[in-house]
Amino acid sequence: MVNRIQLPIVVYLDGIGFGKTLEDKPVRDYEVHRALIEGCKKLISYFNVYFCHVVSDEVNLYLFRNIPYRGGEFNVVSVSATILSSSV
């Protein structure tokens, strides 16, 4: 059974593991923050997101207009996490 989510929603993506991956860069480093912003831009473009917000190592997507994958919760979360991770 697929969990279907309905609008409005906020997808919260936490940068768990970024510290290990980025090794020599602190999570709050300017370059890391810029990379998260670029990831936000890709998410905005891919999902036609209303708003994307970056704080520390967290990214929040605000979807008010449309929801991809017919609202399939797993798809929305996994694809958004994949796009952000691959971008960063």
PDB file of N, CA and C in Angstrom:
ATOM      1  N   MET A   1       0.834  -1.179   0.000  1.00  0.00           N
ATOM      2  CA  MET A   1       0.000   0.000   0.000  1.00  0.00           C
ATOM      3  C   MET A   1       0.881   1.246   0.000  1.00  0.00           C
ATOM      4  N   VAL A   2       0.561   2.182  -0.855  1.00  0.00           N
ATOM      5  CA  VAL A   2       1.326   3.415  -0.985  1.00  0.00           C
ATOM      6  C   VAL A   2       0.679   4.498  -0.128  1.00  0.00           C
ATOM      7  N   ASN A   3       1.488   5.141   0.720  1.00  0.00           N
ATOM      8  CA  ASN A   3       0.986   6.289   1.481  1.00  0.00           C
ATOM      9  C   ASN A   3       0.888   7.483   0.550  1.00  0.00           C
ATOM     10  N   ARG A   4      -0.287   8.074   0.481  1.00  0.00           N
ATOM     11  CA  ARG A   4      -0.506   9.261  -0.340  1.00  0.00           C
ATOM     12  C   ARG A   4      -0.560  10.482   0.572  1.00  0.00           C
ATOM     13  N   ILE A   5       0.172  11.509   0.192  1.00  0.00           N
ATOM     14  CA  ILE A   5       0.163  12.748   0.954  1.00  0.00           C
ATOM     15  C   ILE A   5      -0.585  13.801   0.167  1.00  0.00           C
ATOM     16  N   GLN A   6      -1.123  14.767   0.873  1.00  0.00           N
ATOM     17  CA  GLN A   6      -1.910  15.813   0.234  1.00  0.00           C
ATOM     18  C   GLN A   6      -1.320  17.177   0.546  1.00  0.00           C
ATOM     19  N   LEU A   7      -1.589  18.105  -0.324  1.00  0.00           N
ATOM     20  CA  LEU A   7      -1.120  19.479  -0.141  1.00  0.00           C
ATOM     21  C   LEU A   7      -1.865  20.160   0.987  1.00  0.00           C
ATOM     22  N   PRO A   8      -1.270  21.119   1.598  1.00  0.00           N
ATOM     23  CA  PRO A   8       0.131  21.540   1.511  1.00  0.00           C
ATOM     24  C   PRO A   8       1.019  20.626   2.348  1.00  0.00           C
ATOM     25  N   ILE A   9       2.281  20.522   1.938  1.00  0.00           N
ATOM     26  CA  ILE A   9       3.245  19.729   2.703  1.00  0.00           C
ATOM     27  C   ILE A   9       4.589  20.460   2.762  1.00  0.00           C
ATOM     28  N   VAL A  10       5.369  20.092   3.744  1.00  0.00           N
ATOM     29  CA  VAL A  10       6.750  20.534   3.848  1.00  0.00           C
ATOM     30  C   VAL A  10       7.603  19.274   3.900  1.00  0.00           C
ATOM     31  N   VAL A  11       8.569  19.187   3.010  1.00  0.00           N
ATOM     32  CA  VAL A  11       9.500  18.059   3.014  1.00  0.00           C
ATOM     33  C   VAL A  11      10.765  18.547   3.707  1.00  0.00           C
ATOM     34  N   TYR A  12      11.093  17.901   4.811  1.00  0.00           N
ATOM     35  CA  TYR A  12      12.245  18.270   5.635  1.00  0.00           C
ATOM     36  C   TYR A  12      13.388  17.320   5.314  1.00  0.00           C
ATOM     37  N   LEU A  13      14.499  17.869   4.846  1.00  0.00           N
ATOM     38  CA  LEU A  13      15.678  17.069   4.512  1.00  0.00           C
ATOM     39  C   LEU A  13      16.818  17.501   5.431  1.00  0.00           C
ATOM     40  N   ASP A  14      17.250  16.598   6.276  1.00  0.00           N
ATOM     41  CA  ASP A  14      18.316  16.897   7.226  1.00  0.00           C
ATOM     42  C   ASP A  14      19.626  16.355   6.686  1.00  0.00           C
ATOM     43  N   GLY A  15      20.682  17.108   6.845  1.00  0.00           N
ATOM     44  CA  GLY A  15      21.987  16.738   6.301  1.00  0.00           C
ATOM     45  C   GLY A  15      22.722  15.694   7.105  1.00  0.00           C
ATOM     46  N   ILE A  16      22.042  14.644   7.517  1.00  0.00           N
ATOM     47  CA  ILE A  16      22.689  13.577   8.280  1.00  0.00           C
ATOM     48  C   ILE A  16      23.751  12.920   7.401  1.00  0.00           C
ATOM     49  N   GLY A  17      24.942  12.813   7.931  1.00  0.00           N
ATOM     50  CA  GLY A  17      26.031  12.191   7.184  1.00  0.00           C
ATOM     51  C   GLY A  17      26.853  13.164   6.360  1.00  0.00           C
ATOM     52  N   PHE A  18      26.403  14.407   6.203  1.00  0.00           N
ATOM     53  CA  PHE A  18      27.190  15.373   5.441  1.00  0.00           C
ATOM     54  C   PHE A  18      28.557  15.582   6.087  1.00  0.00           C
ATOM     55  N   GLY A  19      28.609  15.594   7.414  1.00  0.00           N
ATOM     56  CA  GLY A  19      29.873  15.795   8.124  1.00  0.00           C
ATOM     57  C   GLY A  19      30.911  14.748   7.760  1.00  0.00           C
ATOM     58  N   LYS A  20      30.490  13.494   7.658  1.00  0.00           N
ATOM     59  CA  LYS A  20      31.413  12.415   7.288  1.00  0.00           C
ATOM     60  C   LYS A  20      31.832  12.532   5.831  1.00  0.00           C
ATOM     61  N   THR A  21      30.887  12.867   4.992  1.00  0.00           N
ATOM     62  CA  THR A  21      31.162  12.948   3.559  1.00  0.00           C
ATOM     63  C   THR A  21      32.070  14.125   3.229  1.00  0.00           C
ATOM     64  N   LEU A  22      31.842  15.241   3.893  1.00  0.00           N
ATOM     65  CA  LEU A  22      32.588  16.457   3.588  1.00  0.00           C
ATOM     66  C   LEU A  22      33.910  16.538   4.351  1.00  0.00           C
ATOM     67  N   GLU A  23      34.157  15.636   5.269  1.00  0.00           N
ATOM     68  CA  GLU A  23      35.374  15.462   6.063  1.00  0.00           C
ATOM     69  C   GLU A  23      36.025  16.750   6.544  1.00  0.00           C
ATOM     70  N   ASP A  24      36.668  17.484   5.674  1.00  0.00           N
ATOM     71  CA  ASP A  24      37.452  18.642   6.113  1.00  0.00           C
ATOM     72  C   ASP A  24      36.653  19.936   6.186  1.00  0.00           C
ATOM     73  N   LYS A  25      35.377  19.902   5.869  1.00  0.00           N
ATOM     74  CA  LYS A  25      34.545  21.111   5.896  1.00  0.00           C
ATOM     75  C   LYS A  25      33.501  20.996   6.999  1.00  0.00           C
ATOM     76  N   PRO A  26      33.422  22.004   7.859  1.00  0.00           N
ATOM     77  CA  PRO A  26      32.324  21.985   8.833  1.00  0.00           C
ATOM     78  C   PRO A  26      30.985  22.176   8.120  1.00  0.00           C
ATOM     79  N   VAL A  27      29.931  21.626   8.693  1.00  0.00           N
ATOM     80  CA  VAL A  27      28.615  21.677   8.059  1.00  0.00           C
ATOM     81  C   VAL A  27      28.164  23.118   7.824  1.00  0.00           C
ATOM     82  N   ARG A  28      28.547  24.024   8.691  1.00  0.00           N
ATOM     83  CA  ARG A  28      28.120  25.417   8.553  1.00  0.00           C
ATOM     84  C   ARG A  28      29.111  26.263   7.740  1.00  0.00           C
ATOM     85  N   ASP A  29      30.001  25.613   7.039  1.00  0.00           N
ATOM     86  CA  ASP A  29      30.957  26.289   6.179  1.00  0.00           C
ATOM     87  C   ASP A  29      30.220  27.004   5.038  1.00  0.00           C
ATOM     88  N   TYR A  30      30.751  28.144   4.616  1.00  0.00           N
ATOM     89  CA  TYR A  30      30.112  28.933   3.557  1.00  0.00           C
ATOM     90  C   TYR A  30      29.961  28.118   2.270  1.00  0.00           C
ATOM     91  N   GLU A  31      30.991  27.382   1.896  1.00  0.00           N
ATOM     92  CA  GLU A  31      30.909  26.579   0.661  1.00  0.00           C
ATOM     93  C   GLU A  31      29.832  25.509   0.753  1.00  0.00           C
ATOM     94  N   VAL A  32      29.704  24.892   1.908  1.00  0.00           N
ATOM     95  CA  VAL A  32      28.665  23.875   2.108  1.00  0.00           C
ATOM     96  C   VAL A  32      27.288  24.525   2.009  1.00  0.00           C
ATOM     97  N   HIS A  33      27.156  25.706   2.630  1.00  0.00           N
ATOM     98  CA  HIS A  33      25.878  26.422   2.565  1.00  0.00           C
ATOM     99  C   HIS A  33      25.522  26.778   1.121  1.00  0.00           C
ATOM    100  N   ARG A  34      26.505  27.248   0.363  1.00  0.00           N
ATOM    101  CA  ARG A  34      26.270  27.572  -1.056  1.00  0.00           C
ATOM    102  C   ARG A  34      25.871  26.309  -1.832  1.00  0.00           C
ATOM    103  N   ALA A  35      26.496  25.179  -1.524  1.00  0.00           N
ATOM    104  CA  ALA A  35      26.149  23.925  -2.200  1.00  0.00           C
ATOM    105  C   ALA A  35      24.711  23.520  -1.870  1.00  0.00           C
ATOM    106  N   LEU A  36      24.282  23.719  -0.628  1.00  0.00           N
ATOM    107  CA  LEU A  36      22.900  23.421  -0.249  1.00  0.00           C
ATOM    108  C   LEU A  36      21.929  24.358  -0.969  1.00  0.00           C
ATOM    109  N   ILE A  37      22.307  25.605  -1.134  1.00  0.00           N
ATOM    110  CA  ILE A  37      21.459  26.539  -1.879  1.00  0.00           C
ATOM    111  C   ILE A  37      21.343  26.100  -3.336  1.00  0.00           C
ATOM    112  N   GLU A  38      22.447  25.671  -3.920  1.00  0.00           N
ATOM    113  CA  GLU A  38      22.391  25.170  -5.305  1.00  0.00           C
ATOM    114  C   GLU A  38      21.508  23.926  -5.383  1.00  0.00           C
ATOM    115  N   GLY A  39      21.589  23.072  -4.384  1.00  0.00           N
ATOM    116  CA  GLY A  39      20.712  21.912  -4.322  1.00  0.00           C
ATOM    117  C   GLY A  39      19.251  22.327  -4.239  1.00  0.00           C
ATOM    118  N   CYS A  40      18.981  23.368  -3.463  1.00  0.00           N
ATOM    119  CA  CYS A  40      17.619  23.919  -3.355  1.00  0.00           C
ATOM    120  C   CYS A  40      17.129  24.385  -4.730  1.00  0.00           C
ATOM    121  N   LYS A  41      17.992  25.052  -5.455  1.00  0.00           N
ATOM    122  CA  LYS A  41      17.615  25.536  -6.786  1.00  0.00           C
ATOM    123  C   LYS A  41      17.229  24.368  -7.695  1.00  0.00           C
ATOM    124  N   LYS A  42      17.987  23.277  -7.610  1.00  0.00           N
ATOM    125  CA  LYS A  42      17.656  22.102  -8.425  1.00  0.00           C
ATOM    126  C   LYS A  42      16.321  21.506  -8.009  1.00  0.00           C
ATOM    127  N   LEU A  43      16.065  21.461  -6.708  1.00  0.00           N
ATOM    128  CA  LEU A  43      14.785  20.940  -6.216  1.00  0.00           C
ATOM    129  C   LEU A  43      13.630  21.829  -6.649  1.00  0.00           C
ATOM    130  N   ILE A  44      13.828  23.129  -6.600  1.00  0.00           N
ATOM    131  CA  ILE A  44      12.788  24.064  -7.041  1.00  0.00           C
ATOM    132  C   ILE A  44      12.459  23.809  -8.508  1.00  0.00           C
ATOM    133  N   SER A  45      13.490  23.650  -9.303  1.00  0.00           N
ATOM    134  CA  SER A  45      13.290  23.415 -10.727  1.00  0.00           C
ATOM    135  C   SER A  45      12.634  22.060 -10.990  1.00  0.00           C
ATOM    136  N   TYR A  46      13.110  21.022 -10.334  1.00  0.00           N
ATOM    137  CA  TYR A  46      12.621  19.669 -10.596  1.00  0.00           C
ATOM    138  C   TYR A  46      11.170  19.486 -10.152  1.00  0.00           C
ATOM    139  N   PHE A  47      10.855  19.953  -8.950  1.00  0.00           N
ATOM    140  CA  PHE A  47       9.531  19.737  -8.376  1.00  0.00           C
ATOM    141  C   PHE A  47       8.570  20.903  -8.575  1.00  0.00           C
ATOM    142  N   ASN A  48       9.053  21.990  -9.175  1.00  0.00           N
ATOM    143  CA  ASN A  48       8.241  23.200  -9.279  1.00  0.00           C
ATOM    144  C   ASN A  48       7.769  23.616  -7.877  1.00  0.00           C
ATOM    145  N   VAL A  49       8.741  23.664  -6.966  1.00  0.00           N
ATOM    146  CA  VAL A  49       8.484  23.934  -5.555  1.00  0.00           C
ATOM    147  C   VAL A  49       8.165  25.404  -5.349  1.00  0.00           C
ATOM    148  N   TYR A  50       7.257  25.659  -4.433  1.00  0.00           N
ATOM    149  CA  TYR A  50       6.851  27.031  -4.106  1.00  0.00           C
ATOM    150  C   TYR A  50       7.977  27.784  -3.399  1.00  0.00           C
ATOM    151  N   PHE A  51       8.652  27.112  -2.474  1.00  0.00           N
ATOM    152  CA  PHE A  51       9.662  27.785  -1.658  1.00  0.00           C
ATOM    153  C   PHE A  51      10.620  26.732  -1.111  1.00  0.00           C
ATOM    154  N   CYS A  52      11.889  27.065  -1.033  1.00  0.00           N
ATOM    155  CA  CYS A  52      12.895  26.187  -0.465  1.00  0.00           C
ATOM    156  C   CYS A  52      13.719  26.995   0.531  1.00  0.00           C
ATOM    157  N   HIS A  53      13.961  26.431   1.703  1.00  0.00           N
ATOM    158  CA  HIS A  53      14.599  27.154   2.794  1.00  0.00           C
ATOM    159  C   HIS A  53      15.783  26.347   3.317  1.00  0.00           C
ATOM    160  N   VAL A  54      16.951  26.996   3.441  1.00  0.00           N
ATOM    161  CA  VAL A  54      18.148  26.331   3.948  1.00  0.00           C
ATOM    162  C   VAL A  54      18.524  26.940   5.293  1.00  0.00           C
ATOM    163  N   VAL A  55      18.675  26.075   6.296  1.00  0.00           N
ATOM    164  CA  VAL A  55      19.165  26.496   7.609  1.00  0.00           C
ATOM    165  C   VAL A  55      20.177  25.458   8.064  1.00  0.00           C
ATOM    166  N   SER A  56      21.399  25.894   8.337  1.00  0.00           N
ATOM    167  CA  SER A  56      22.467  24.990   8.754  1.00  0.00           C
ATOM    168  C   SER A  56      22.593  23.876   7.721  1.00  0.00           C
ATOM    169  N   ASP A  57      22.388  22.617   8.113  1.00  0.00           N
ATOM    170  CA  ASP A  57      22.478  21.505   7.158  1.00  0.00           C
ATOM    171  C   ASP A  57      21.101  20.936   6.842  1.00  0.00           C
ATOM    172  N   GLU A  58      20.076  21.762   6.995  1.00  0.00           N
ATOM    173  CA  GLU A  58      18.698  21.341   6.731  1.00  0.00           C
ATOM    174  C   GLU A  58      18.125  22.089   5.528  1.00  0.00           C
ATOM    175  N   VAL A  59      17.338  21.360   4.750  1.00  0.00           N
ATOM    176  CA  VAL A  59      16.636  21.943   3.613  1.00  0.00           C
ATOM    177  C   VAL A  59      15.156  21.618   3.767  1.00  0.00           C
ATOM    178  N   ASN A  60      14.325  22.625   3.608  1.00  0.00           N
ATOM    179  CA  ASN A  60      12.876  22.443   3.703  1.00  0.00           C
ATOM    180  C   ASN A  60      12.235  22.861   2.392  1.00  0.00           C
ATOM    181  N   LEU A  61      11.411  21.981   1.832  1.00  0.00           N
ATOM    182  CA  LEU A  61      10.676  22.270   0.594  1.00  0.00           C
ATOM    183  C   LEU A  61       9.220  22.492   0.948  1.00  0.00           C
ATOM    184  N   TYR A  62       8.669  23.576   0.480  1.00  0.00           N
ATOM    185  CA  TYR A  62       7.275  23.900   0.749  1.00  0.00           C
ATOM    186  C   TYR A  62       6.485  23.691  -0.538  1.00  0.00           C
ATOM    187  N   LEU A  63       5.608  22.715  -0.533  1.00  0.00           N
ATOM    188  CA  LEU A  63       4.792  22.421  -1.706  1.00  0.00           C
ATOM    189  C   LEU A  63       3.356  22.826  -1.419  1.00  0.00           C
ATOM    190  N   PHE A  64       2.887  23.828  -2.147  1.00  0.00           N
ATOM    191  CA  PHE A  64       1.520  24.320  -1.980  1.00  0.00           C
ATOM    192  C   PHE A  64       0.683  24.151  -3.243  1.00  0.00           C
ATOM    193  N   ARG A  65       1.342  24.075  -4.412  1.00  0.00           N
ATOM    194  CA  ARG A  65       0.610  24.068  -5.685  1.00  0.00           C
ATOM    195  C   ARG A  65       0.376  22.686  -6.267  1.00  0.00           C
ATOM    196  N   ASN A  66       1.431  21.896  -6.285  1.00  0.00           N
ATOM    197  CA  ASN A  66       1.287  20.554  -6.866  1.00  0.00           C
ATOM    198  C   ASN A  66       2.185  19.588  -6.119  1.00  0.00           C
ATOM    199  N   ILE A  67       1.871  18.330  -6.256  1.00  0.00           N
ATOM    200  CA  ILE A  67       2.664  17.301  -5.583  1.00  0.00           C
ATOM    201  C   ILE A  67       3.042  16.242  -6.618  1.00  0.00           C
ATOM    202  N   PRO A  68       4.333  15.951  -6.738  1.00  0.00           N
ATOM    203  CA  PRO A  68       4.769  14.982  -7.742  1.00  0.00           C
ATOM    204  C   PRO A  68       4.427  13.548  -7.348  1.00  0.00           C
ATOM    205  N   TYR A  69       4.551  12.674  -8.311  1.00  0.00           N
ATOM    206  CA  TYR A  69       4.364  11.236  -8.107  1.00  0.00           C
ATOM    207  C   TYR A  69       3.005  10.890  -7.505  1.00  0.00           C
ATOM    208  N   ARG A  70       1.996  11.642  -7.898  1.00  0.00           N
ATOM    209  CA  ARG A  70       0.621  11.427  -7.434  1.00  0.00           C
ATOM    210  C   ARG A  70       0.536  11.330  -5.914  1.00  0.00           C
ATOM    211  N   GLY A  71       1.437  12.055  -5.260  1.00  0.00           N
ATOM    212  CA  GLY A  71       1.404  12.111  -3.805  1.00  0.00           C
ATOM    213  C   GLY A  71       2.025  10.926  -3.112  1.00  0.00           C
ATOM    214  N   GLY A  72       2.772  10.118  -3.835  1.00  0.00           N
ATOM    215  CA  GLY A  72       3.432   8.964  -3.216  1.00  0.00           C
ATOM    216  C   GLY A  72       4.512   9.441  -2.247  1.00  0.00           C
ATOM    217  N   GLU A  73       4.273   9.234  -0.968  1.00  0.00           N
ATOM    218  CA  GLU A  73       5.165   9.755   0.080  1.00  0.00           C
ATOM    219  C   GLU A  73       6.606   9.291  -0.112  1.00  0.00           C
ATOM    220  N   PHE A  74       6.811   8.009  -0.297  1.00  0.00           N
ATOM    221  CA  PHE A  74       8.158   7.473  -0.442  1.00  0.00           C
ATOM    222  C   PHE A  74       8.862   8.096  -1.647  1.00  0.00           C
ATOM    223  N   ASN A  75       8.166   8.208  -2.756  1.00  0.00           N
ATOM    224  CA  ASN A  75       8.768   8.776  -3.964  1.00  0.00           C
ATOM    225  C   ASN A  75       9.196  10.222  -3.742  1.00  0.00           C
ATOM    226  N   VAL A  76       8.329  11.015  -3.160  1.00  0.00           N
ATOM    227  CA  VAL A  76       8.637  12.430  -2.937  1.00  0.00           C
ATOM    228  C   VAL A  76       9.864  12.575  -2.043  1.00  0.00           C
ATOM    229  N   VAL A  77       9.885  11.837  -0.948  1.00  0.00           N
ATOM    230  CA  VAL A  77      10.983  11.950   0.007  1.00  0.00           C
ATOM    231  C   VAL A  77      12.285  11.403  -0.572  1.00  0.00           C
ATOM    232  N   SER A  78      12.241  10.220  -1.154  1.00  0.00           N
ATOM    233  CA  SER A  78      13.474   9.601  -1.644  1.00  0.00           C
ATOM    234  C   SER A  78      14.068  10.353  -2.828  1.00  0.00           C
ATOM    235  N   VAL A  79      13.237  10.804  -3.753  1.00  0.00           N
ATOM    236  CA  VAL A  79      13.763  11.520  -4.917  1.00  0.00           C
ATOM    237  C   VAL A  79      14.319  12.881  -4.504  1.00  0.00           C
ATOM    238  N   SER A  80      13.633  13.581  -3.612  1.00  0.00           N
ATOM    239  CA  SER A  80      14.139  14.892  -3.170  1.00  0.00           C
ATOM    240  C   SER A  80      15.467  14.723  -2.426  1.00  0.00           C
ATOM    241  N   ALA A  81      15.589  13.704  -1.585  1.00  0.00           N
ATOM    242  CA  ALA A  81      16.840  13.457  -0.874  1.00  0.00           C
ATOM    243  C   ALA A  81      17.964  13.096  -1.859  1.00  0.00           C
ATOM    244  N   THR A  82      17.637  12.323  -2.876  1.00  0.00           N
ATOM    245  CA  THR A  82      18.626  11.939  -3.876  1.00  0.00           C
ATOM    246  C   THR A  82      19.115  13.134  -4.664  1.00  0.00           C
ATOM    247  N   ILE A  83      18.194  13.997  -5.081  1.00  0.00           N
ATOM    248  CA  ILE A  83      18.596  15.189  -5.843  1.00  0.00           C
ATOM    249  C   ILE A  83      19.485  16.092  -5.002  1.00  0.00           C
ATOM    250  N   LEU A  84      19.093  16.316  -3.751  1.00  0.00           N
ATOM    251  CA  LEU A  84      19.894  17.179  -2.888  1.00  0.00           C
ATOM    252  C   LEU A  84      21.262  16.570  -2.617  1.00  0.00           C
ATOM    253  N   SER A  85      21.317  15.292  -2.286  1.00  0.00           N
ATOM    254  CA  SER A  85      22.596  14.635  -1.997  1.00  0.00           C
ATOM    255  C   SER A  85      23.529  14.654  -3.201  1.00  0.00           C
ATOM    256  N   SER A  86      23.004  14.358  -4.370  1.00  0.00           N
ATOM    257  CA  SER A  86      23.837  14.326  -5.550  1.00  0.00           C
ATOM    258  C   SER A  86      24.336  15.723  -5.923  1.00  0.00           C
ATOM    259  N   SER A  87      23.545  16.724  -5.611  1.00  0.00           N
ATOM    260  CA  SER A  87      23.941  18.096  -5.901  1.00  0.00           C
ATOM    261  C   SER A  87      25.051  18.562  -4.959  1.00  0.00           C
ATOM    262  N   VAL A  88      24.882  18.244  -3.683  1.00  0.00           N
ATOM    263  CA  VAL A  88      25.859  18.676  -2.679  1.00  0.00           C
ATOM    264  C   VAL A  88      27.132  17.863  -2.832  1.00  0.00           C
TER     265      VAL A  88
END
